Amino acid sequence: MYKRFITAFAALLMVAGISACNTIAGAGEDVESAGDSVEDAAESSK
């Protein structure tokens, strides 16, 4: 019983970790895109 609980808990942590990594990677792409837009706007206003 205890071993089954530990296995299920470990699997849950792995799934949560994977989804967190994807979320952070997506946020990083959004920030990078916003930075590129600001950079383009700054260069076009020169």
N, C-alpha and C. Protein backbone atom coordinates (compact mmCIF):
# COMPACT_ATOMS: atom_id res chain seq x y z
N MET A 1 0.83 -1.20 0.00
CA MET A 1 0.00 0.00 0.00
C MET A 1 0.87 1.26 0.00
N TYR A 2 1.87 1.29 0.88
CA TYR A 2 2.75 2.46 0.99
C TYR A 2 3.56 2.65 -0.29
N LYS A 3 4.04 1.54 -0.86
CA LYS A 3 4.83 1.61 -2.09
C LYS A 3 3.98 2.15 -3.24
N ARG A 4 2.73 1.75 -3.30
CA ARG A 4 1.83 2.23 -4.36
C ARG A 4 1.58 3.73 -4.21
N PHE A 5 1.43 4.19 -2.98
CA PHE A 5 1.23 5.62 -2.73
C PHE A 5 2.45 6.43 -3.16
N ILE A 6 3.64 5.95 -2.80
CA ILE A 6 4.87 6.65 -3.17
C ILE A 6 5.02 6.70 -4.69
N THR A 7 4.71 5.61 -5.37
CA THR A 7 4.81 5.56 -6.83
C THR A 7 3.83 6.55 -7.46
N ALA A 8 2.60 6.58 -6.99
CA ALA A 8 1.61 7.50 -7.53
C ALA A 8 2.00 8.95 -7.25
N PHE A 9 2.53 9.22 -6.08
CA PHE A 9 2.95 10.57 -5.73
C PHE A 9 4.12 11.01 -6.60
N ALA A 10 5.07 10.12 -6.84
CA ALA A 10 6.22 10.44 -7.69
C ALA A 10 5.76 10.73 -9.12
N ALA A 11 4.82 9.95 -9.62
CA ALA A 11 4.29 10.18 -10.97
C ALA A 11 3.59 11.53 -11.04
N LEU A 12 2.84 11.88 -10.02
CA LEU A 12 2.16 13.17 -9.98
C LEU A 12 3.16 14.32 -9.98
N LEU A 13 4.23 14.19 -9.22
CA LEU A 13 5.26 15.23 -9.19
C LEU A 13 5.94 15.38 -10.55
N MET A 14 6.18 14.27 -11.23
CA MET A 14 6.81 14.34 -12.55
C MET A 14 5.91 15.04 -13.55
N VAL A 15 4.63 14.72 -13.54
CA VAL A 15 3.68 15.38 -14.45
C VAL A 15 3.60 16.87 -14.15
N ALA A 16 3.54 17.22 -12.88
CA ALA A 16 3.49 18.64 -12.50
C ALA A 16 4.76 19.35 -12.93
N GLY A 17 5.89 18.71 -12.77
CA GLY A 17 7.16 19.31 -13.17
C GLY A 17 7.24 19.55 -14.67
N ILE A 18 6.78 18.58 -15.44
CA ILE A 18 6.80 18.72 -16.90
C ILE A 18 5.89 19.85 -17.34
N SER A 19 4.71 19.93 -16.77
CA SER A 19 3.79 21.00 -17.17
C SER A 19 4.31 22.36 -16.74
N ALA A 20 4.99 22.44 -15.61
CA ALA A 20 5.56 23.71 -15.17
C ALA A 20 6.67 24.15 -16.12
N CYS A 21 7.47 23.22 -16.59
CA CYS A 21 8.55 23.57 -17.53
C CYS A 21 7.96 24.12 -18.82
N ASN A 22 6.90 23.50 -19.32
CA ASN A 22 6.28 23.99 -20.55
C ASN A 22 5.67 25.37 -20.34
N THR A 23 5.10 25.61 -19.20
CA THR A 23 4.50 26.91 -18.91
C THR A 23 5.57 28.00 -18.85
N ILE A 24 6.67 27.71 -18.19
CA ILE A 24 7.75 28.69 -18.09
C ILE A 24 8.39 28.93 -19.44
N ALA A 25 8.54 27.88 -20.24
CA ALA A 25 9.11 28.05 -21.58
C ALA A 25 8.20 28.92 -22.44
N GLY A 26 6.90 28.73 -22.34
CA GLY A 26 5.96 29.56 -23.09
C GLY A 26 6.00 31.01 -22.65
N ALA A 27 6.13 31.23 -21.36
CA ALA A 27 6.22 32.60 -20.85
C ALA A 27 7.50 33.26 -21.35
N GLY A 28 8.58 32.51 -21.40
CA GLY A 28 9.84 33.05 -21.91
C GLY A 28 9.74 33.44 -23.36
N GLU A 29 9.03 32.65 -24.15
CA GLU A 29 8.83 32.99 -25.56
C GLU A 29 7.99 34.26 -25.70
N ASP A 30 6.98 34.41 -24.86
CA ASP A 30 6.14 35.61 -24.90
C ASP A 30 6.95 36.86 -24.55
N VAL A 31 7.79 36.76 -23.54
CA VAL A 31 8.62 37.90 -23.13
C VAL A 31 9.61 38.24 -24.24
N GLU A 32 10.18 37.22 -24.85
CA GLU A 32 11.13 37.45 -25.95
C GLU A 32 10.44 38.14 -27.12
N SER A 33 9.24 37.70 -27.44
CA SER A 33 8.47 38.31 -28.53
C SER A 33 8.16 39.77 -28.23
N ALA A 34 7.78 40.06 -27.00
CA ALA A 34 7.50 41.44 -26.61
C ALA A 34 8.76 42.29 -26.71
N GLY A 35 9.89 41.75 -26.29
CA GLY A 35 11.15 42.47 -26.38
C GLY A 35 11.54 42.76 -27.82
N ASP A 36 11.30 41.79 -28.70
CA ASP A 36 11.59 42.00 -30.12
C ASP A 36 10.71 43.10 -30.70
N SER A 37 9.45 43.14 -30.29
CA SER A 37 8.54 44.18 -30.77
C SER A 37 8.99 45.56 -30.32
N VAL A 38 9.40 45.67 -29.07
CA VAL A 38 9.89 46.96 -28.55
C VAL A 38 11.16 47.37 -29.28
N GLU A 39 12.04 46.43 -29.52
CA GLU A 39 13.28 46.72 -30.23
C GLU A 39 12.99 47.20 -31.65
N ASP A 40 12.07 46.53 -32.34
CA ASP A 40 11.71 46.94 -33.70
C ASP A 40 11.11 48.34 -33.71
N ALA A 41 10.24 48.63 -32.74
CA ALA A 41 9.62 49.95 -32.67
C ALA A 41 10.67 51.02 -32.39
N ALA A 42 11.63 50.72 -31.54
CA ALA A 42 12.68 51.69 -31.22
C ALA A 42 13.56 51.97 -32.43
N GLU A 43 13.87 50.94 -33.18
CA GLU A 43 14.73 51.11 -34.36
C GLU A 43 14.00 51.85 -35.48
N SER A 44 12.70 51.63 -35.60
CA SER A 44 11.95 52.29 -36.68
C SER A 44 11.69 53.76 -36.36
N SER A 45 11.81 54.16 -35.10
CA SER A 45 11.57 55.56 -34.74
C SER A 45 12.84 56.40 -34.78
N LYS A 46 13.96 55.81 -35.15
CA LYS A 46 15.23 56.56 -35.23
C LYS A 46 15.20 57.55 -36.36
